[in-house]
Amino acid sequence: MVSAEVSVLRWLDKLTGETEDVELGRGQSATWGRLSIQLDECRYPKGNPASDAIAHLTIRDSEVETPVFSGWMVASSPALSALDHPRYDVWVLSCTYPQSEAPPEAAPDAPEDAPEPAATDEG
């Protein structure tokens, strides 16, 4: 696993249906409604950075003294370690990683009207 500087999170207000995506840098926090979310760490697999992300978050509710969530969230399995809040939901979408580690782009498919290669007897 490799550490990333930035994570992309999504939050949902279950009462209004509003959602918002937010990018947080390591150690940075953002407030939305009653929640304050701090990104402590974001990691992704070194060999396949686009495959998954895990983030350690500390989430506070302004009406509660202790954090309502402090732990790791896994992008591919949000229910594995989820925020248990009656009004809000938060989950990890991805970690941002340097372009040099981006997966290679797939080659475009050949157009349908492209000529077929000539057949040979060489086998």
PDB file of N, CA and C in Angstrom:
ATOM      1  N   MET A   1       0.844  -1.178   0.000  1.00  0.00           N
ATOM      2  CA  MET A   1       0.000   0.000   0.000  1.00  0.00           C
ATOM      3  C   MET A   1       0.895   1.249   0.000  1.00  0.00           C
ATOM      4  N   VAL A   2       0.403   2.275  -0.699  1.00  0.00           N
ATOM      5  CA  VAL A   2       1.118   3.539  -0.820  1.00  0.00           C
ATOM      6  C   VAL A   2       0.244   4.646  -0.241  1.00  0.00           C
ATOM      7  N   SER A   3       0.847   5.569   0.477  1.00  0.00           N
ATOM      8  CA  SER A   3       0.099   6.704   1.034  1.00  0.00           C
ATOM      9  C   SER A   3      -0.126   7.769  -0.029  1.00  0.00           C
ATOM     10  N   ALA A   4      -1.312   8.356   0.006  1.00  0.00           N
ATOM     11  CA  ALA A   4      -1.671   9.441  -0.907  1.00  0.00           C
ATOM     12  C   ALA A   4      -1.846  10.723  -0.097  1.00  0.00           C
ATOM     13  N   GLU A   5      -1.671  11.836  -0.747  1.00  0.00           N
ATOM     14  CA  GLU A   5      -1.837  13.129  -0.083  1.00  0.00           C
ATOM     15  C   GLU A   5      -3.294  13.573  -0.004  1.00  0.00           C
ATOM     16  N   VAL A   6      -4.138  13.085  -0.938  1.00  0.00           N
ATOM     17  CA  VAL A   6      -5.515  13.576  -1.045  1.00  0.00           C
ATOM     18  C   VAL A   6      -6.480  12.411  -1.200  1.00  0.00           C
ATOM     19  N   SER A   7      -7.647  12.553  -0.593  1.00  0.00           N
ATOM     20  CA  SER A   7      -8.713  11.573  -0.728  1.00  0.00           C
ATOM     21  C   SER A   7      -9.977  12.271  -1.228  1.00  0.00           C
ATOM     22  N   VAL A   8     -10.786  11.529  -1.963  1.00  0.00           N
ATOM     23  CA  VAL A   8     -12.081  12.035  -2.402  1.00  0.00           C
ATOM     24  C   VAL A   8     -13.153  11.282  -1.609  1.00  0.00           C
ATOM     25  N   LEU A   9     -14.006  12.049  -0.927  1.00  0.00           N
ATOM     26  CA  LEU A   9     -15.069  11.489  -0.100  1.00  0.00           C
ATOM     27  C   LEU A   9     -16.413  11.964  -0.624  1.00  0.00           C
ATOM     28  N   ARG A  10     -17.455  11.232  -0.290  1.00  0.00           N
ATOM     29  CA  ARG A  10     -18.819  11.659  -0.610  1.00  0.00           C
ATOM     30  C   ARG A  10     -19.625  11.641   0.684  1.00  0.00           C
ATOM     31  N   TRP A  11     -20.442  12.694   0.864  1.00  0.00           N
ATOM     32  CA  TRP A  11     -21.337  12.717   2.014  1.00  0.00           C
ATOM     33  C   TRP A  11     -22.763  12.869   1.566  1.00  0.00           C
ATOM     34  N   LEU A  12     -23.643  12.343   2.386  1.00  0.00           N
ATOM     35  CA  LEU A  12     -25.058  12.333   2.093  1.00  0.00           C
ATOM     36  C   LEU A  12     -25.821  12.814   3.312  1.00  0.00           C
ATOM     37  N   ASP A  13     -26.750  13.747   3.086  1.00  0.00           N
ATOM     38  CA  ASP A  13     -27.703  14.141   4.125  1.00  0.00           C
ATOM     39  C   ASP A  13     -28.941  13.299   3.868  1.00  0.00           C
ATOM     40  N   LYS A  14     -29.216  12.352   4.741  1.00  0.00           N
ATOM     41  CA  LYS A  14     -30.311  11.411   4.541  1.00  0.00           C
ATOM     42  C   LYS A  14     -31.684  12.078   4.597  1.00  0.00           C
ATOM     43  N   LEU A  15     -31.790  13.226   5.268  1.00  0.00           N
ATOM     44  CA  LEU A  15     -33.077  13.915   5.358  1.00  0.00           C
ATOM     45  C   LEU A  15     -33.405  14.704   4.101  1.00  0.00           C
ATOM     46  N   THR A  16     -32.428  15.382   3.533  1.00  0.00           N
ATOM     47  CA  THR A  16     -32.676  16.227   2.366  1.00  0.00           C
ATOM     48  C   THR A  16     -32.307  15.556   1.055  1.00  0.00           C
ATOM     49  N   GLY A  17     -31.524  14.481   1.115  1.00  0.00           N
ATOM     50  CA  GLY A  17     -31.071  13.806  -0.093  1.00  0.00           C
ATOM     51  C   GLY A  17     -29.894  14.506  -0.765  1.00  0.00           C
ATOM     52  N   GLU A  18     -29.374  15.562  -0.165  1.00  0.00           N
ATOM     53  CA  GLU A  18     -28.230  16.278  -0.742  1.00  0.00           C
ATOM     54  C   GLU A  18     -26.969  15.441  -0.614  1.00  0.00           C
ATOM     55  N   THR A  19     -26.162  15.460  -1.677  1.00  0.00           N
ATOM     56  CA  THR A  19     -24.855  14.808  -1.639  1.00  0.00           C
ATOM     57  C   THR A  19     -23.817  15.804  -2.125  1.00  0.00           C
ATOM     58  N   GLU A  20     -22.591  15.554  -1.735  1.00  0.00           N
ATOM     59  CA  GLU A  20     -21.483  16.393  -2.183  1.00  0.00           C
ATOM     60  C   GLU A  20     -20.205  15.578  -2.129  1.00  0.00           C
ATOM     61  N   ASP A  21     -19.374  15.738  -3.146  1.00  0.00           N
ATOM     62  CA  ASP A  21     -18.044  15.136  -3.146  1.00  0.00           C
ATOM     63  C   ASP A  21     -17.059  16.199  -2.700  1.00  0.00           C
ATOM     64  N   VAL A  22     -16.091  15.784  -1.902  1.00  0.00           N
ATOM     65  CA  VAL A  22     -15.098  16.724  -1.393  1.00  0.00           C
ATOM     66  C   VAL A  22     -13.726  16.072  -1.421  1.00  0.00           C
ATOM     67  N   GLU A  23     -12.719  16.855  -1.776  1.00  0.00           N
ATOM     68  CA  GLU A  23     -11.336  16.400  -1.708  1.00  0.00           C
ATOM     69  C   GLU A  23     -10.718  16.948  -0.431  1.00  0.00           C
ATOM     70  N   LEU A  24     -10.104  16.068   0.320  1.00  0.00           N
ATOM     71  CA  LEU A  24      -9.413  16.466   1.550  1.00  0.00           C
ATOM     72  C   LEU A  24      -7.964  16.037   1.480  1.00  0.00           C
ATOM     73  N   GLY A  25      -7.074  16.933   1.851  1.00  0.00           N
ATOM     74  CA  GLY A  25      -5.668  16.599   1.986  1.00  0.00           C
ATOM     75  C   GLY A  25      -5.411  15.990   3.348  1.00  0.00           C
ATOM     76  N   ARG A  26      -4.316  15.265   3.450  1.00  0.00           N
ATOM     77  CA  ARG A  26      -3.965  14.638   4.724  1.00  0.00           C
ATOM     78  C   ARG A  26      -3.880  15.690   5.822  1.00  0.00           C
ATOM     79  N   GLY A  27      -4.596  15.473   6.929  1.00  0.00           N
ATOM     80  CA  GLY A  27      -4.625  16.402   8.058  1.00  0.00           C
ATOM     81  C   GLY A  27      -5.662  17.514   7.906  1.00  0.00           C
ATOM     82  N   GLN A  28      -6.269  17.605   6.746  1.00  0.00           N
ATOM     83  CA  GLN A  28      -7.261  18.651   6.493  1.00  0.00           C
ATOM     84  C   GLN A  28      -8.643  18.170   6.933  1.00  0.00           C
ATOM     85  N   SER A  29      -9.501  19.131   7.296  1.00  0.00           N
ATOM     86  CA  SER A  29     -10.866  18.768   7.653  1.00  0.00           C
ATOM     87  C   SER A  29     -11.843  19.688   6.932  1.00  0.00           C
ATOM     88  N   ALA A  30     -13.069  19.222   6.827  1.00  0.00           N
ATOM     89  CA  ALA A  30     -14.137  19.991   6.197  1.00  0.00           C
ATOM     90  C   ALA A  30     -15.395  19.807   7.030  1.00  0.00           C
ATOM     91  N   THR A  31     -16.246  20.824   7.014  1.00  0.00           N
ATOM     92  CA  THR A  31     -17.490  20.774   7.768  1.00  0.00           C
ATOM     93  C   THR A  31     -18.656  20.803   6.795  1.00  0.00           C
ATOM     94  N   TRP A  32     -19.621  19.955   7.058  1.00  0.00           N
ATOM     95  CA  TRP A  32     -20.829  19.896   6.251  1.00  0.00           C
ATOM     96  C   TRP A  32     -21.964  19.564   7.204  1.00  0.00           C
ATOM     97  N   GLY A  33     -22.932  20.456   7.311  1.00  0.00           N
ATOM     98  CA  GLY A  33     -23.992  20.261   8.295  1.00  0.00           C
ATOM     99  C   GLY A  33     -23.390  20.245   9.682  1.00  0.00           C
ATOM    100  N   ARG A  34     -23.750  19.240  10.465  1.00  0.00           N
ATOM    101  CA  ARG A  34     -23.202  19.107  11.822  1.00  0.00           C
ATOM    102  C   ARG A  34     -21.889  18.349  11.859  1.00  0.00           C
ATOM    103  N   LEU A  35     -21.480  17.762  10.721  1.00  0.00           N
ATOM    104  CA  LEU A  35     -20.284  16.923  10.714  1.00  0.00           C
ATOM    105  C   LEU A  35     -19.021  17.695  10.364  1.00  0.00           C
ATOM    106  N   SER A  36     -17.955  17.303  11.001  1.00  0.00           N
ATOM    107  CA  SER A  36     -16.609  17.758  10.664  1.00  0.00           C
ATOM    108  C   SER A  36     -15.796  16.498  10.400  1.00  0.00           C
ATOM    109  N   ILE A  37     -15.234  16.417   9.194  1.00  0.00           N
ATOM    110  CA  ILE A  37     -14.508  15.211   8.795  1.00  0.00           C
ATOM    111  C   ILE A  37     -13.047  15.561   8.578  1.00  0.00           C
ATOM    112  N   GLN A  38     -12.171  14.786   9.193  1.00  0.00           N
ATOM    113  CA  GLN A  38     -10.732  14.977   9.026  1.00  0.00           C
ATOM    114  C   GLN A  38     -10.141  13.741   8.384  1.00  0.00           C
ATOM    115  N   LEU A  39      -9.337  13.965   7.327  1.00  0.00           N
ATOM    116  CA  LEU A  39      -8.609  12.870   6.699  1.00  0.00           C
ATOM    117  C   LEU A  39      -7.287  12.703   7.425  1.00  0.00           C
ATOM    118  N   ASP A  40      -7.094  11.534   8.010  1.00  0.00           N
ATOM    119  CA  ASP A  40      -5.847  11.240   8.711  1.00  0.00           C
ATOM    120  C   ASP A  40      -4.846  10.574   7.775  1.00  0.00           C
ATOM    121  N   GLU A  41      -5.342   9.718   6.875  1.00  0.00           N
ATOM    122  CA  GLU A  41      -4.464   8.955   5.967  1.00  0.00           C
ATOM    123  C   GLU A  41      -5.305   8.388   4.842  1.00  0.00           C
ATOM    124  N   CYS A  42      -4.719   8.276   3.652  1.00  0.00           N
ATOM    125  CA  CYS A  42      -5.367   7.599   2.530  1.00  0.00           C
ATOM    126  C   CYS A  42      -4.317   6.718   1.864  1.00  0.00           C
ATOM    127  N   ARG A  43      -4.675   5.476   1.579  1.00  0.00           N
ATOM    128  CA  ARG A  43      -3.740   4.527   0.972  1.00  0.00           C
ATOM    129  C   ARG A  43      -4.404   3.804  -0.185  1.00  0.00           C
ATOM    130  N   TYR A  44      -3.575   3.361  -1.125  1.00  0.00           N
ATOM    131  CA  TYR A  44      -4.054   2.606  -2.280  1.00  0.00           C
ATOM    132  C   TYR A  44      -3.026   1.548  -2.645  1.00  0.00           C
ATOM    133  N   PRO A  45      -3.451   0.476  -3.347  1.00  0.00           N
ATOM    134  CA  PRO A  45      -2.515  -0.594  -3.724  1.00  0.00           C
ATOM    135  C   PRO A  45      -1.466  -0.081  -4.706  1.00  0.00           C
ATOM    136  N   LYS A  46      -0.212  -0.376  -4.438  1.00  0.00           N
ATOM    137  CA  LYS A  46       0.889   0.113  -5.270  1.00  0.00           C
ATOM    138  C   LYS A  46       0.802  -0.405  -6.702  1.00  0.00           C
ATOM    139  N   GLY A  47       0.478  -1.659  -6.888  1.00  0.00           N
ATOM    140  CA  GLY A  47       0.454  -2.243  -8.220  1.00  0.00           C
ATOM    141  C   GLY A  47      -0.761  -1.860  -9.055  1.00  0.00           C
ATOM    142  N   ASN A  48      -1.832  -1.391  -8.404  1.00  0.00           N
ATOM    143  CA  ASN A  48      -3.060  -1.053  -9.125  1.00  0.00           C
ATOM    144  C   ASN A  48      -3.756   0.092  -8.385  1.00  0.00           C
ATOM    145  N   PRO A  49      -3.278   1.320  -8.550  1.00  0.00           N
ATOM    146  CA  PRO A  49      -3.792   2.439  -7.756  1.00  0.00           C
ATOM    147  C   PRO A  49      -5.262   2.746  -7.960  1.00  0.00           C
ATOM    148  N   ALA A  50      -5.824   2.405  -9.100  1.00  0.00           N
ATOM    149  CA  ALA A  50      -7.233   2.711  -9.347  1.00  0.00           C
ATOM    150  C   ALA A  50      -8.172   1.648  -8.781  1.00  0.00           C
ATOM    151  N   SER A  51      -7.626   0.563  -8.263  1.00  0.00           N
ATOM    152  CA  SER A  51      -8.471  -0.559  -7.858  1.00  0.00           C
ATOM    153  C   SER A  51      -9.224  -0.331  -6.556  1.00  0.00           C
ATOM    154  N   ASP A  52      -8.632   0.348  -5.601  1.00  0.00           N
ATOM    155  CA  ASP A  52      -9.285   0.511  -4.305  1.00  0.00           C
ATOM    156  C   ASP A  52      -8.599   1.616  -3.519  1.00  0.00           C
ATOM    157  N   ALA A  53      -9.239   2.026  -2.458  1.00  0.00           N
ATOM    158  CA  ALA A  53      -8.665   3.029  -1.560  1.00  0.00           C
ATOM    159  C   ALA A  53      -9.147   2.722  -0.150  1.00  0.00           C
ATOM    160  N   ILE A  54      -8.285   2.998   0.808  1.00  0.00           N
ATOM    161  CA  ILE A  54      -8.693   2.939   2.214  1.00  0.00           C
ATOM    162  C   ILE A  54      -8.280   4.258   2.839  1.00  0.00           C
ATOM    163  N   ALA A  55      -9.134   4.781   3.686  1.00  0.00           N
ATOM    164  CA  ALA A  55      -8.840   6.067   4.315  1.00  0.00           C
ATOM    165  C   ALA A  55      -9.150   5.984   5.805  1.00  0.00           C
ATOM    166  N   HIS A  56      -8.269   6.581   6.595  1.00  0.00           N
ATOM    167  CA  HIS A  56      -8.520   6.704   8.029  1.00  0.00           C
ATOM    168  C   HIS A  56      -9.126   8.073   8.259  1.00  0.00           C
ATOM    169  N   LEU A  57     -10.335   8.081   8.807  1.00  0.00           N
ATOM    170  CA  LEU A  57     -11.069   9.325   9.022  1.00  0.00           C
ATOM    171  C   LEU A  57     -11.415   9.492  10.491  1.00  0.00           C
ATOM    172  N   THR A  58     -11.477  10.749  10.914  1.00  0.00           N
ATOM    173  CA  THR A  58     -12.022  11.102  12.217  1.00  0.00           C
ATOM    174  C   THR A  58     -13.202  12.024  11.943  1.00  0.00           C
ATOM    175  N   ILE A  59     -14.395  11.580  12.345  1.00  0.00           N
ATOM    176  CA  ILE A  59     -15.617  12.329  12.068  1.00  0.00           C
ATOM    177  C   ILE A  59     -16.256  12.741  13.390  1.00  0.00           C
ATOM    178  N   ARG A  60     -16.540  14.030  13.476  1.00  0.00           N
ATOM    179  CA  ARG A  60     -17.163  14.582  14.686  1.00  0.00           C
ATOM    180  C   ARG A  60     -18.514  15.189  14.338  1.00  0.00           C
ATOM    181  N   ASP A  61     -19.436  15.081  15.278  1.00  0.00           N
ATOM    182  CA  ASP A  61     -20.745  15.718  15.195  1.00  0.00           C
ATOM    183  C   ASP A  61     -20.726  16.859  16.202  1.00  0.00           C
ATOM    184  N   SER A  62     -21.126  18.052  15.779  1.00  0.00           N
ATOM    185  CA  SER A  62     -21.059  19.224  16.660  1.00  0.00           C
ATOM    186  C   SER A  62     -21.930  19.067  17.898  1.00  0.00           C
ATOM    187  N   GLU A  63     -22.868  18.124  17.889  1.00  0.00           N
ATOM    188  CA  GLU A  63     -23.746  17.924  19.038  1.00  0.00           C
ATOM    189  C   GLU A  63     -23.298  16.789  19.948  1.00  0.00           C
ATOM    190  N   VAL A  64     -22.153  16.171  19.626  1.00  0.00           N
ATOM    191  CA  VAL A  64     -21.638  15.048  20.412  1.00  0.00           C
ATOM    192  C   VAL A  64     -20.194  15.360  20.793  1.00  0.00           C
ATOM    193  N   GLU A  65     -19.822  15.074  22.033  1.00  0.00           N
ATOM    194  CA  GLU A  65     -18.486  15.425  22.519  1.00  0.00           C
ATOM    195  C   GLU A  65     -17.376  14.566  21.915  1.00  0.00           C
ATOM    196  N   THR A  66     -17.588  13.274  21.803  1.00  0.00           N
ATOM    197  CA  THR A  66     -16.552  12.382  21.274  1.00  0.00           C
ATOM    198  C   THR A  66     -16.781  12.155  19.771  1.00  0.00           C
ATOM    199  N   PRO A  67     -15.735  11.736  19.046  1.00  0.00           N
ATOM    200  CA  PRO A  67     -15.928  11.464  17.619  1.00  0.00           C
ATOM    201  C   PRO A  67     -17.013  10.403  17.398  1.00  0.00           C
ATOM    202  N   VAL A  68     -17.816  10.585  16.367  1.00  0.00           N
ATOM    203  CA  VAL A  68     -18.844   9.592  16.032  1.00  0.00           C
ATOM    204  C   VAL A  68     -18.264   8.477  15.166  1.00  0.00           C
ATOM    205  N   PHE A  69     -17.069   8.727  14.600  1.00  0.00           N
ATOM    206  CA  PHE A  69     -16.356   7.703  13.847  1.00  0.00           C
ATOM    207  C   PHE A  69     -14.880   8.041  13.876  1.00  0.00           C
ATOM    208  N   SER A  70     -14.070   7.028  14.098  1.00  0.00           N
ATOM    209  CA  SER A  70     -12.618   7.160  13.989  1.00  0.00           C
ATOM    210  C   SER A  70     -12.094   5.792  13.583  1.00  0.00           C
ATOM    211  N   GLY A  71     -11.652   5.705  12.325  1.00  0.00           N
ATOM    212  CA  GLY A  71     -11.176   4.418  11.853  1.00  0.00           C
ATOM    213  C   GLY A  71     -10.981   4.415  10.352  1.00  0.00           C
ATOM    214  N   TRP A  72     -10.752   3.218   9.816  1.00  0.00           N
ATOM    215  CA  TRP A  72     -10.494   3.025   8.397  1.00  0.00           C
ATOM    216  C   TRP A  72     -11.794   2.747   7.660  1.00  0.00           C
ATOM    217  N   MET A  73     -11.976   3.379   6.504  1.00  0.00           N
ATOM    218  CA  MET A  73     -13.073   3.083   5.596  1.00  0.00           C
ATOM    219  C   MET A  73     -12.469   2.550   4.303  1.00  0.00           C
ATOM    220  N   VAL A  74     -13.116   1.545   3.738  1.00  0.00           N
ATOM    221  CA  VAL A  74     -12.641   0.907   2.515  1.00  0.00           C
ATOM    222  C   VAL A  74     -13.592   1.285   1.383  1.00  0.00           C
ATOM    223  N   ALA A  75     -13.052   1.850   0.312  1.00  0.00           N
ATOM    224  CA  ALA A  75     -13.890   2.318  -0.795  1.00  0.00           C
ATOM    225  C   ALA A  75     -14.708   1.193  -1.415  1.00  0.00           C
ATOM    226  N   SER A  76     -14.109   0.027  -1.602  1.00  0.00           N
ATOM    227  CA  SER A  76     -14.813  -1.070  -2.269  1.00  0.00           C
ATOM    228  C   SER A  76     -15.822  -1.779  -1.365  1.00  0.00           C
ATOM    229  N   SER A  77     -15.748  -1.553  -0.057  1.00  0.00           N
ATOM    230  CA  SER A  77     -16.674  -2.188   0.898  1.00  0.00           C
ATOM    231  C   SER A  77     -17.110  -1.169   1.947  1.00  0.00           C
ATOM    232  N   PRO A  78     -17.927  -0.187   1.567  1.00  0.00           N
ATOM    233  CA  PRO A  78     -18.283   0.873   2.508  1.00  0.00           C
ATOM    234  C   PRO A  78     -19.008   0.371   3.755  1.00  0.00           C
ATOM    235  N   ALA A  79     -19.722  -0.737   3.669  1.00  0.00           N
ATOM    236  CA  ALA A  79     -20.447  -1.245   4.829  1.00  0.00           C
ATOM    237  C   ALA A  79     -19.531  -1.963   5.826  1.00  0.00           C
ATOM    238  N   LEU A  80     -18.316  -2.289   5.407  1.00  0.00           N
ATOM    239  CA  LEU A  80     -17.385  -3.003   6.274  1.00  0.00           C
ATOM    240  C   LEU A  80     -17.059  -2.203   7.530  1.00  0.00           C
ATOM    241  N   SER A  81     -16.854  -0.924   7.372  1.00  0.00           N
ATOM    242  CA  SER A  81     -16.562  -0.042   8.493  1.00  0.00           C
ATOM    243  C   SER A  81     -17.233   1.298   8.186  1.00  0.00           C
ATOM    244  N   ALA A  82     -18.487   1.418   8.550  1.00  0.00           N
ATOM    245  CA  ALA A  82     -19.296   2.568   8.145  1.00  0.00           C
ATOM    246  C   ALA A  82     -19.568   3.518   9.306  1.00  0.00           C
ATOM    247  N   LEU A  83     -19.843   4.749   8.942  1.00  0.00           N
ATOM    248  CA  LEU A  83     -20.319   5.741   9.903  1.00  0.00           C
ATOM    249  C   LEU A  83     -21.747   5.361  10.279  1.00  0.00           C
ATOM    250  N   ASP A  84     -22.025   5.254  11.574  1.00  0.00           N
ATOM    251  CA  ASP A  84     -23.370   4.941  12.048  1.00  0.00           C
ATOM    252  C   ASP A  84     -23.971   6.230  12.593  1.00  0.00           C
ATOM    253  N   HIS A  85     -24.664   6.971  11.733  1.00  0.00           N
ATOM    254  CA  HIS A  85     -25.228   8.265  12.110  1.00  0.00           C
ATOM    255  C   HIS A  85     -26.666   8.323  11.620  1.00  0.00           C
ATOM    256  N   PRO A  86     -27.587   8.844  12.422  1.00  0.00           N
ATOM    257  CA  PRO A  86     -28.987   8.862  11.996  1.00  0.00           C
ATOM    258  C   PRO A  86     -29.281   9.789  10.812  1.00  0.00           C
ATOM    259  N   ARG A  87     -28.473  10.828  10.600  1.00  0.00           N
ATOM    260  CA  ARG A  87     -28.772  11.786   9.539  1.00  0.00           C
ATOM    261  C   ARG A  87     -27.785  11.753   8.374  1.00  0.00           C
ATOM    262  N   TYR A  88     -26.518  11.508   8.644  1.00  0.00           N
ATOM    263  CA  TYR A  88     -25.491  11.637   7.607  1.00  0.00           C
ATOM    264  C   TYR A  88     -24.838  10.299   7.273  1.00  0.00           C
ATOM    265  N   ASP A  89     -24.345  10.232   6.054  1.00  0.00           N
ATOM    266  CA  ASP A  89     -23.550   9.091   5.625  1.00  0.00           C
ATOM    267  C   ASP A  89     -22.312   9.646   4.933  1.00  0.00           C
ATOM    268  N   VAL A  90     -21.185   9.016   5.134  1.00  0.00           N
ATOM    269  CA  VAL A  90     -19.919   9.425   4.525  1.00  0.00           C
ATOM    270  C   VAL A  90     -19.231   8.173   4.035  1.00  0.00           C
ATOM    271  N   TRP A  91     -18.671   8.238   2.823  1.00  0.00           N
ATOM    272  CA  TRP A  91     -17.876   7.112   2.359  1.00  0.00           C
ATOM    273  C   TRP A  91     -16.741   7.591   1.476  1.00  0.00           C
ATOM    274  N   VAL A  92     -15.736   6.728   1.343  1.00  0.00           N
ATOM    275  CA  VAL A  92     -14.524   7.016   0.580  1.00  0.00           C
ATOM    276  C   VAL A  92     -14.767   6.615  -0.869  1.00  0.00           C
ATOM    277  N   LEU A  93     -14.408   7.501  -1.805  1.00  0.00           N
ATOM    278  CA  LEU A  93     -14.487   7.175  -3.225  1.00  0.00           C
ATOM    279  C   LEU A  93     -13.131   6.742  -3.758  1.00  0.00           C
ATOM    280  N   SER A  94     -12.075   7.514  -3.433  1.00  0.00           N
ATOM    281  CA  SER A  94     -10.752   7.181  -3.966  1.00  0.00           C
ATOM    282  C   SER A  94      -9.675   7.980  -3.258  1.00  0.00           C
ATOM    283  N   CYS A  95      -8.443   7.581  -3.502  1.00  0.00           N
ATOM    284  CA  CYS A  95      -7.268   8.376  -3.161  1.00  0.00           C
ATOM    285  C   CYS A  95      -6.761   8.955  -4.479  1.00  0.00           C
ATOM    286  N   THR A  96      -6.228  10.133  -4.445  1.00  0.00           N
ATOM    287  CA  THR A  96      -5.605  10.646  -5.656  1.00  0.00           C
ATOM    288  C   THR A  96      -4.159  10.197  -5.648  1.00  0.00           C
ATOM    289  N   TYR A  97      -3.645   9.876  -6.816  1.00  0.00           N
ATOM    290  CA  TYR A  97      -2.288   9.371  -6.950  1.00  0.00           C
ATOM    291  C   TYR A  97      -1.619  10.091  -8.102  1.00  0.00           C
ATOM    292  N   PRO A  98      -0.301  10.150  -8.093  1.00  0.00           N
ATOM    293  CA  PRO A  98       0.418  10.849  -9.172  1.00  0.00           C
ATOM    294  C   PRO A  98       0.086  10.255 -10.536  1.00  0.00           C
ATOM    295  N   GLN A  99       0.029  11.087 -11.572  1.00  0.00           N
ATOM    296  CA  GLN A  99      -0.251  10.619 -12.926  1.00  0.00           C
ATOM    297  C   GLN A  99       0.706   9.523 -13.356  1.00  0.00           C
ATOM    298  N   SER A 100       1.937   9.548 -12.859  1.00  0.00           N
ATOM    299  CA  SER A 100       2.912   8.533 -13.247  1.00  0.00           C
ATOM    300  C   SER A 100       2.495   7.136 -12.796  1.00  0.00           C
ATOM    301  N   GLU A 101       1.583   7.061 -11.815  1.00  0.00           N
ATOM    302  CA  GLU A 101       1.114   5.767 -11.327  1.00  0.00           C
ATOM    303  C   GLU A 101      -0.254   5.406 -11.882  1.00  0.00           C
ATOM    304  N   ALA A 102      -0.807   6.243 -12.742  1.00  0.00           N
ATOM    305  CA  ALA A 102      -2.128   5.971 -13.310  1.00  0.00           C
ATOM    306  C   ALA A 102      -2.077   4.722 -14.173  1.00  0.00           C
ATOM    307  N   PRO A 103      -3.161   3.938 -14.168  1.00  0.00           N
ATOM    308  CA  PRO A 103      -3.178   2.749 -15.017  1.00  0.00           C
ATOM    309  C   PRO A 103      -3.134   3.164 -16.477  1.00  0.00           C
ATOM    310  N   PRO A 104      -2.503   2.342 -17.334  1.00  0.00           N
ATOM    311  CA  PRO A 104      -2.414   2.709 -18.747  1.00  0.00           C
ATOM    312  C   PRO A 104      -3.797   2.766 -19.373  1.00  0.00           C
ATOM    313  N   GLU A 105      -3.975   3.696 -20.304  1.00  0.00           N
ATOM    314  CA  GLU A 105      -5.242   3.824 -21.023  1.00  0.00           C
ATOM    315  C   GLU A 105      -5.373   2.646 -21.980  1.00  0.00           C
ATOM    316  N   ALA A 106      -6.561   2.142 -22.113  1.00  0.00           N
ATOM    317  CA  ALA A 106      -6.800   1.044 -23.054  1.00  0.00           C
ATOM    318  C   ALA A 106      -6.726   1.591 -24.469  1.00  0.00           C
ATOM    319  N   ALA A 107      -6.166   0.792 -25.361  1.00  0.00           N
ATOM    320  CA  ALA A 107      -6.083   1.209 -26.762  1.00  0.00           C
ATOM    321  C   ALA A 107      -7.483   1.228 -27.346  1.00  0.00           C
ATOM    322  N   PRO A 108      -7.799   2.228 -28.157  1.00  0.00           N
ATOM    323  CA  PRO A 108      -9.137   2.276 -28.742  1.00  0.00           C
ATOM    324  C   PRO A 108      -9.352   1.087 -29.666  1.00  0.00           C
ATOM    325  N   ASP A 109     -10.591   0.637 -29.738  1.00  0.00           N
ATOM    326  CA  ASP A 109     -10.928  -0.478 -30.625  1.00  0.00           C
ATOM    327  C   ASP A 109     -10.776  -0.041 -32.072  1.00  0.00           C
ATOM    328  N   ALA A 110     -10.426  -0.994 -32.922  1.00  0.00           N
ATOM    329  CA  ALA A 110     -10.299  -0.694 -34.357  1.00  0.00           C
ATOM    330  C   ALA A 110     -11.678  -0.397 -34.910  1.00  0.00           C
ATOM    331  N   PRO A 111     -11.785   0.536 -35.831  1.00  0.00           N
ATOM    332  CA  PRO A 111     -13.096   0.819 -36.413  1.00  0.00           C
ATOM    333  C   PRO A 111     -13.627  -0.412 -37.140  1.00  0.00           C
ATOM    334  N   GLU A 112     -14.969  -0.497 -37.180  1.00  0.00           N
ATOM    335  CA  GLU A 112     -15.591  -1.676 -37.771  1.00  0.00           C
ATOM    336  C   GLU A 112     -15.285  -1.815 -39.258  1.00  0.00           C
ATOM    337  N   ASP A 113     -15.061  -0.697 -39.956  1.00  0.00           N
ATOM    338  CA  ASP A 113     -14.824  -0.778 -41.383  1.00  0.00           C
ATOM    339  C   ASP A 113     -13.339  -0.890 -41.729  1.00  0.00           C
ATOM    340  N   ALA A 114     -12.492  -1.165 -40.731  1.00  0.00           N
ATOM    341  CA  ALA A 114     -11.065  -1.316 -40.991  1.00  0.00           C
ATOM    342  C   ALA A 114     -10.834  -2.608 -41.766  1.00  0.00           C
ATOM    343  N   PRO A 115      -9.921  -2.609 -42.730  1.00  0.00           N
ATOM    344  CA  PRO A 115      -9.683  -3.826 -43.520  1.00  0.00           C
ATOM    345  C   PRO A 115      -9.066  -4.919 -42.655  1.00  0.00           C
ATOM    346  N   GLU A 116      -9.437  -6.141 -42.940  1.00  0.00           N
ATOM    347  CA  GLU A 116      -8.887  -7.299 -42.251  1.00  0.00           C
ATOM    348  C   GLU A 116      -7.466  -7.538 -42.757  1.00  0.00           C
ATOM    349  N   PRO A 117      -6.560  -8.025 -41.925  1.00  0.00           N
ATOM    350  CA  PRO A 117      -5.221  -8.343 -42.414  1.00  0.00           C
ATOM    351  C   PRO A 117      -5.297  -9.465 -43.465  1.00  0.00           C
ATOM    352  N   ALA A 118      -4.410  -9.424 -44.423  1.00  0.00           N
ATOM    353  CA  ALA A 118      -4.396 -10.420 -45.491  1.00  0.00           C
ATOM    354  C   ALA A 118      -3.986 -11.770 -44.940  1.00  0.00           C
ATOM    355  N   ALA A 119      -4.647 -12.834 -45.381  1.00  0.00           N
ATOM    356  CA  ALA A 119      -4.313 -14.181 -44.953  1.00  0.00           C
ATOM    357  C   ALA A 119      -3.088 -14.653 -45.700  1.00  0.00           C
ATOM    358  N   THR A 120      -2.263 -15.444 -45.018  1.00  0.00           N
ATOM    359  CA  THR A 120      -1.046 -15.986 -45.655  1.00  0.00           C
ATOM    360  C   THR A 120      -1.036 -17.491 -45.499  1.00  0.00           C
ATOM    361  N   ASP A 121      -0.211 -18.136 -46.251  1.00  0.00           N
ATOM    362  CA  ASP A 121      -0.060 -19.586 -46.170  1.00  0.00           C
ATOM    363  C   ASP A 121       1.047 -19.994 -45.212  1.00  0.00           C
ATOM    364  N   GLU A 122       1.674 -19.021 -44.544  1.00  0.00           N
ATOM    365  CA  GLU A 122       2.841 -19.322 -43.710  1.00  0.00           C
ATOM    366  C   GLU A 122       2.454 -19.817 -42.324  1.00  0.00           C
ATOM    367  N   GLY A 123       1.259 -19.904 -41.995  1.00  0.00           N
ATOM    368  CA  GLY A 123       0.839 -20.470 -40.901  1.00  0.00           C
ATOM    369  C   GLY A 123       0.684 -20.403 -39.569  1.00  0.00           C
TER     370      GLY A 123
END
